[in-house]
Amino acid sequence: EAGYRVGIICTDETMELHPDGMVRSLGLRAREETIAHNLYEVLREFDQCEADVIYSEAFYTPRMGQAIMNRLLKAAGHKIINIQEDIK
């Protein structure tokens, strides 16, 4: 409503939960390799679209979750918003 270009990074399983913004899915959570591969493409796309703000789901998966989160943290300048804490 304020006119910001908002990018949202999600998965196929949660895409329908985000009705507004520039919503991009990284793929299925069960396919970590696809998520890792698509992450760079989606971040570049939001950069080209000059997104003002980008929100992403967290990825704590057994094999590649740490690498995915490391890249997201770097892109976010290590700024994390914990929704569960914000709800309280």
N, C-alpha and C. Protein backbone atom coordinates (compact mmCIF):
# COMPACT_ATOMS: atom_id res chain seq x y z
N GLU A 1 0.82 -1.21 0.00
CA GLU A 1 0.00 0.00 0.00
C GLU A 1 0.85 1.26 0.00
N ALA A 2 2.04 1.19 0.58
CA ALA A 2 2.90 2.36 0.66
C ALA A 2 3.71 2.57 -0.62
N GLY A 3 3.55 1.68 -1.59
CA GLY A 3 4.25 1.84 -2.84
C GLY A 3 5.60 1.16 -2.91
N TYR A 4 5.95 0.37 -1.92
CA TYR A 4 7.21 -0.36 -1.94
C TYR A 4 7.11 -1.57 -2.86
N ARG A 5 8.21 -1.87 -3.53
CA ARG A 5 8.29 -3.09 -4.32
C ARG A 5 8.83 -4.18 -3.39
N VAL A 6 7.98 -5.13 -3.06
CA VAL A 6 8.30 -6.16 -2.07
C VAL A 6 8.49 -7.50 -2.77
N GLY A 7 9.68 -8.08 -2.57
CA GLY A 7 9.96 -9.41 -3.09
C GLY A 7 9.77 -10.44 -1.99
N ILE A 8 9.18 -11.56 -2.34
CA ILE A 8 8.95 -12.63 -1.37
C ILE A 8 9.50 -13.93 -1.94
N ILE A 9 10.42 -14.54 -1.19
CA ILE A 9 11.01 -15.81 -1.59
C ILE A 9 10.34 -16.90 -0.77
N CYS A 10 9.75 -17.86 -1.47
CA CYS A 10 9.03 -18.94 -0.78
C CYS A 10 9.28 -20.25 -1.51
N THR A 11 8.50 -21.26 -1.18
CA THR A 11 8.57 -22.55 -1.85
C THR A 11 7.21 -22.84 -2.49
N ASP A 12 7.18 -23.87 -3.31
CA ASP A 12 5.92 -24.24 -3.95
C ASP A 12 4.83 -24.51 -2.91
N GLU A 13 5.24 -25.08 -1.77
CA GLU A 13 4.27 -25.45 -0.75
C GLU A 13 3.60 -24.24 -0.09
N THR A 14 4.28 -23.10 -0.07
CA THR A 14 3.74 -21.93 0.64
C THR A 14 3.41 -20.75 -0.27
N MET A 15 3.55 -20.92 -1.55
CA MET A 15 3.35 -19.81 -2.48
C MET A 15 1.97 -19.18 -2.36
N GLU A 16 0.96 -19.99 -2.14
CA GLU A 16 -0.41 -19.46 -2.06
C GLU A 16 -0.66 -18.63 -0.80
N LEU A 17 0.24 -18.69 0.16
CA LEU A 17 0.08 -17.90 1.39
C LEU A 17 0.47 -16.44 1.20
N HIS A 18 1.03 -16.11 0.05
CA HIS A 18 1.54 -14.76 -0.20
C HIS A 18 0.78 -14.13 -1.36
N PRO A 19 -0.34 -13.47 -1.09
CA PRO A 19 -1.17 -12.93 -2.16
C PRO A 19 -0.63 -11.64 -2.78
N ASP A 20 0.27 -10.95 -2.09
CA ASP A 20 0.75 -9.65 -2.57
C ASP A 20 2.27 -9.68 -2.74
N GLY A 21 2.76 -8.74 -3.51
CA GLY A 21 4.19 -8.60 -3.72
C GLY A 21 4.65 -9.40 -4.93
N MET A 22 5.96 -9.34 -5.17
CA MET A 22 6.57 -10.12 -6.24
C MET A 22 6.97 -11.46 -5.62
N VAL A 23 6.13 -12.44 -5.77
CA VAL A 23 6.32 -13.74 -5.12
C VAL A 23 7.05 -14.68 -6.07
N ARG A 24 8.15 -15.26 -5.59
CA ARG A 24 8.92 -16.20 -6.39
C ARG A 24 9.18 -17.46 -5.57
N SER A 25 8.89 -18.59 -6.18
CA SER A 25 9.14 -19.87 -5.52
C SER A 25 10.50 -20.40 -5.94
N LEU A 26 11.20 -20.98 -4.99
CA LEU A 26 12.49 -21.62 -5.27
C LEU A 26 12.31 -23.08 -5.64
N GLY A 27 11.10 -23.59 -5.55
CA GLY A 27 10.82 -24.99 -5.87
C GLY A 27 10.27 -25.72 -4.67
N LEU A 28 10.35 -27.02 -4.72
CA LEU A 28 9.86 -27.86 -3.62
C LEU A 28 10.90 -27.96 -2.51
N ARG A 29 10.46 -27.90 -1.26
CA ARG A 29 11.38 -28.03 -0.13
C ARG A 29 12.15 -29.34 -0.14
N ALA A 30 11.54 -30.39 -0.65
CA ALA A 30 12.19 -31.70 -0.67
C ALA A 30 13.37 -31.73 -1.64
N ARG A 31 13.45 -30.78 -2.53
CA ARG A 31 14.53 -30.73 -3.52
C ARG A 31 15.48 -29.59 -3.20
N GLU A 32 16.33 -29.81 -2.22
CA GLU A 32 17.25 -28.77 -1.74
C GLU A 32 18.16 -28.24 -2.84
N GLU A 33 18.60 -29.11 -3.74
CA GLU A 33 19.50 -28.68 -4.81
C GLU A 33 18.82 -27.64 -5.70
N THR A 34 17.54 -27.84 -5.97
CA THR A 34 16.78 -26.90 -6.78
C THR A 34 16.63 -25.57 -6.06
N ILE A 35 16.36 -25.62 -4.77
CA ILE A 35 16.24 -24.39 -3.98
C ILE A 35 17.55 -23.61 -4.02
N ALA A 36 18.66 -24.29 -3.79
CA ALA A 36 19.97 -23.63 -3.80
C ALA A 36 20.26 -23.05 -5.18
N HIS A 37 19.96 -23.78 -6.22
CA HIS A 37 20.22 -23.33 -7.59
C HIS A 37 19.36 -22.11 -7.94
N ASN A 38 18.09 -22.15 -7.59
CA ASN A 38 17.16 -21.07 -7.95
C ASN A 38 17.35 -19.82 -7.11
N LEU A 39 17.96 -19.93 -5.96
CA LEU A 39 18.12 -18.78 -5.06
C LEU A 39 18.87 -17.64 -5.73
N TYR A 40 19.99 -17.93 -6.38
CA TYR A 40 20.77 -16.87 -7.02
C TYR A 40 19.99 -16.19 -8.13
N GLU A 41 19.26 -16.98 -8.89
CA GLU A 41 18.46 -16.41 -9.98
C GLU A 41 17.37 -15.48 -9.44
N VAL A 42 16.70 -15.89 -8.38
CA VAL A 42 15.63 -15.07 -7.80
C VAL A 42 16.21 -13.79 -7.18
N LEU A 43 17.33 -13.90 -6.50
CA LEU A 43 17.96 -12.70 -5.93
C LEU A 43 18.37 -11.72 -7.03
N ARG A 44 18.92 -12.22 -8.12
CA ARG A 44 19.28 -11.35 -9.25
C ARG A 44 18.04 -10.70 -9.86
N GLU A 45 16.96 -11.48 -9.96
CA GLU A 45 15.72 -10.94 -10.52
C GLU A 45 15.20 -9.79 -9.66
N PHE A 46 15.19 -9.98 -8.35
CA PHE A 46 14.73 -8.90 -7.47
C PHE A 46 15.64 -7.69 -7.55
N ASP A 47 16.93 -7.91 -7.74
CA ASP A 47 17.87 -6.81 -7.89
C ASP A 47 17.56 -6.03 -9.17
N GLN A 48 17.29 -6.75 -10.26
CA GLN A 48 16.96 -6.10 -11.53
C GLN A 48 15.63 -5.35 -11.46
N CYS A 49 14.68 -5.89 -10.70
CA CYS A 49 13.38 -5.25 -10.53
C CYS A 49 13.44 -4.11 -9.52
N GLU A 50 14.61 -3.94 -8.92
CA GLU A 50 14.83 -2.91 -7.90
C GLU A 50 13.84 -3.04 -6.76
N ALA A 51 13.73 -4.26 -6.23
CA ALA A 51 12.87 -4.48 -5.06
C ALA A 51 13.38 -3.65 -3.89
N ASP A 52 12.47 -3.00 -3.19
CA ASP A 52 12.84 -2.19 -2.03
C ASP A 52 13.13 -3.07 -0.82
N VAL A 53 12.38 -4.15 -0.70
CA VAL A 53 12.48 -5.05 0.45
C VAL A 53 12.30 -6.48 -0.08
N ILE A 54 13.06 -7.41 0.49
CA ILE A 54 12.89 -8.82 0.14
C ILE A 54 12.72 -9.62 1.43
N TYR A 55 11.68 -10.41 1.48
CA TYR A 55 11.45 -11.33 2.59
C TYR A 55 11.62 -12.75 2.09
N SER A 56 12.16 -13.61 2.93
CA SER A 56 12.35 -14.99 2.55
C SER A 56 12.00 -15.91 3.69
N GLU A 57 11.50 -17.07 3.32
CA GLU A 57 11.33 -18.13 4.30
C GLU A 57 12.72 -18.59 4.74
N ALA A 58 12.79 -19.20 5.90
CA ALA A 58 14.04 -19.80 6.36
C ALA A 58 14.11 -21.24 5.84
N PHE A 59 15.33 -21.71 5.67
CA PHE A 59 15.53 -23.07 5.15
C PHE A 59 16.48 -23.82 6.07
N TYR A 60 15.91 -24.62 6.93
CA TYR A 60 16.70 -25.45 7.84
C TYR A 60 16.51 -26.89 7.41
N THR A 61 17.24 -27.28 6.41
CA THR A 61 17.14 -28.62 5.86
C THR A 61 18.43 -29.36 6.13
N PRO A 62 18.39 -30.68 6.17
CA PRO A 62 19.54 -31.46 6.62
C PRO A 62 20.81 -31.30 5.79
N ARG A 63 20.70 -31.28 4.48
CA ARG A 63 21.91 -31.32 3.67
C ARG A 63 22.40 -29.95 3.23
N MET A 64 21.55 -29.15 2.63
CA MET A 64 22.00 -27.88 2.06
C MET A 64 21.44 -26.67 2.77
N GLY A 65 20.66 -26.89 3.80
CA GLY A 65 20.02 -25.77 4.49
C GLY A 65 20.99 -24.74 5.00
N GLN A 66 22.12 -25.17 5.53
CA GLN A 66 23.11 -24.23 6.05
C GLN A 66 23.67 -23.35 4.94
N ALA A 67 23.96 -23.92 3.79
CA ALA A 67 24.49 -23.14 2.67
C ALA A 67 23.45 -22.16 2.15
N ILE A 68 22.20 -22.60 2.07
CA ILE A 68 21.13 -21.72 1.61
C ILE A 68 20.95 -20.56 2.59
N MET A 69 20.89 -20.86 3.87
CA MET A 69 20.72 -19.80 4.87
C MET A 69 21.93 -18.87 4.91
N ASN A 70 23.12 -19.40 4.70
CA ASN A 70 24.31 -18.56 4.68
C ASN A 70 24.20 -17.52 3.56
N ARG A 71 23.77 -17.93 2.40
CA ARG A 71 23.62 -17.00 1.28
C ARG A 71 22.53 -15.97 1.56
N LEU A 72 21.41 -16.42 2.13
CA LEU A 72 20.33 -15.48 2.46
C LEU A 72 20.78 -14.47 3.52
N LEU A 73 21.51 -14.94 4.51
CA LEU A 73 21.99 -14.04 5.57
C LEU A 73 22.94 -12.99 5.01
N LYS A 74 23.82 -13.39 4.11
CA LYS A 74 24.73 -12.42 3.48
C LYS A 74 23.94 -11.39 2.68
N ALA A 75 22.96 -11.86 1.92
CA ALA A 75 22.15 -10.94 1.11
C ALA A 75 21.35 -9.98 1.99
N ALA A 76 20.99 -10.44 3.18
CA ALA A 76 20.18 -9.62 4.10
C ALA A 76 21.03 -8.77 5.03
N GLY A 77 22.34 -8.80 4.86
CA GLY A 77 23.19 -8.05 5.78
C GLY A 77 23.07 -8.58 7.19
N HIS A 78 22.79 -9.87 7.31
CA HIS A 78 22.65 -10.58 8.59
C HIS A 78 21.48 -10.07 9.43
N LYS A 79 20.47 -9.51 8.76
CA LYS A 79 19.27 -9.04 9.47
C LYS A 79 18.19 -10.11 9.37
N ILE A 80 17.72 -10.57 10.53
CA ILE A 80 16.70 -11.60 10.59
C ILE A 80 15.47 -11.06 11.33
N ILE A 81 14.32 -11.34 10.78
CA ILE A 81 13.06 -11.01 11.45
C ILE A 81 12.42 -12.34 11.84
N ASN A 82 12.22 -12.55 13.12
CA ASN A 82 11.59 -13.77 13.59
C ASN A 82 10.11 -13.49 13.77
N ILE A 83 9.30 -14.02 12.89
CA ILE A 83 7.87 -13.76 12.92
C ILE A 83 7.24 -14.23 14.22
N GLN A 84 7.68 -15.37 14.74
CA GLN A 84 7.11 -15.88 15.95
C GLN A 84 7.32 -14.92 17.12
N GLU A 85 8.46 -14.25 17.17
CA GLU A 85 8.71 -13.27 18.22
C GLU A 85 7.88 -12.02 18.01
N ASP A 86 7.68 -11.63 16.73
CA ASP A 86 6.89 -10.44 16.43
C ASP A 86 5.43 -10.62 16.75
N ILE A 87 4.93 -11.85 16.74
CA ILE A 87 3.52 -12.13 17.03
C ILE A 87 3.21 -11.97 18.50
N LYS A 88 4.18 -12.27 19.36
CA LYS A 88 3.95 -12.23 20.82
C LYS A 88 3.60 -10.86 21.33
